[in-house]
Protein backbone atom coordinates (compact mmCIF):
# COMPACT_ATOMS: atom_id res chain seq x y z
CA MET A 1 30.63 141.80 23.78
CA ALA A 2 31.33 138.12 23.15
CA THR A 3 30.33 134.81 24.66
CA TYR A 4 32.81 131.99 25.07
CA LYS A 5 32.57 128.25 25.61
CA MET A 6 35.14 125.82 27.02
CA ILE A 7 35.85 122.27 25.89
CA THR A 8 38.09 119.60 27.38
CA VAL A 9 40.56 117.80 25.12
CA VAL A 10 43.22 115.17 25.86
CA GLY A 11 46.29 115.10 23.64
CA THR A 12 48.81 112.27 23.53
CA SER A 13 52.34 111.92 22.21
CA PRO A 14 55.19 109.43 22.42
CA THR A 15 57.63 112.38 22.46
CA SER A 16 56.76 115.05 25.07
CA TYR A 17 54.10 116.98 26.98
CA ALA A 18 54.65 119.94 24.66
CA ASP A 19 54.00 117.77 21.60
CA ALA A 20 50.87 116.30 23.22
CA THR A 21 49.60 119.84 23.88
CA GLU A 22 50.31 120.96 20.32
CA LYS A 23 48.51 117.93 18.89
CA ALA A 24 45.47 118.50 21.14
CA VAL A 25 45.16 122.11 19.97
CA GLN A 26 45.72 121.26 16.29
CA ASP A 27 43.16 118.44 16.33
CA ALA A 28 40.56 120.56 18.17
CA ALA A 29 41.07 123.37 15.65
CA LYS A 30 40.03 121.01 12.84
CA THR A 31 36.43 120.94 14.09
CA VAL A 32 36.07 123.96 16.42
CA ARG A 33 36.13 127.49 15.06
CA HIS A 34 37.40 130.58 16.89
CA LEU A 35 39.71 128.82 19.36
CA GLY A 36 41.37 131.54 21.39
CA TRP A 37 43.27 130.03 24.32
CA PHE A 38 44.01 126.89 26.28
CA GLU A 39 44.94 125.94 29.83
CA VAL A 40 46.75 122.74 30.81
CA LYS A 41 44.72 121.07 33.55
CA GLU A 42 46.53 117.73 33.98
CA MET A 43 49.72 116.07 32.84
CA ARG A 44 50.15 112.32 33.06
CA GLY A 45 51.59 109.45 31.09
CA ARG A 46 51.66 105.77 30.40
CA ILE A 47 54.51 103.48 31.43
CA ALA A 48 55.52 100.38 29.49
CA GLU A 49 58.44 98.13 30.38
CA GLY A 50 59.74 100.61 32.95
CA ARG A 51 59.89 103.56 30.53
CA VAL A 52 57.63 106.45 29.55
CA ALA A 53 55.61 105.16 26.62
CA GLU A 54 53.18 108.05 26.17
CA TYR A 55 52.72 111.60 27.42
CA GLN A 56 49.13 112.73 28.03
CA VAL A 57 47.90 116.29 28.55
CA LYS A 58 44.36 117.31 29.49
CA ILE A 59 43.59 120.86 28.37
CA GLU A 60 40.62 123.17 28.46
CA ALA A 61 40.32 125.26 25.31
CA GLY A 62 38.16 128.33 24.96
CA PHE A 63 36.41 129.54 21.82
CA ARG A 64 34.10 132.36 20.90
CA VAL A 65 30.47 131.41 20.32
CA GLU A 66 29.06 132.83 17.09
CA GLY A 67 26.20 135.26 17.66
CA ASP A 68 23.04 135.74 15.64
């Protein structure tokens, strides 16, 4: 049996929602071990001068908690 914990991470990208998601997962994996899945909770962006300037994705990522 395993125990899991969820964290919330926001990724950003000037390119796309997919790129923002990938960056969020990659950055979280630098400091969190045993990441196993993610779920996109929100998608939004920033507008500058009438154009999309930044894509933002809020994800929840799950990871296995290490036991004793």
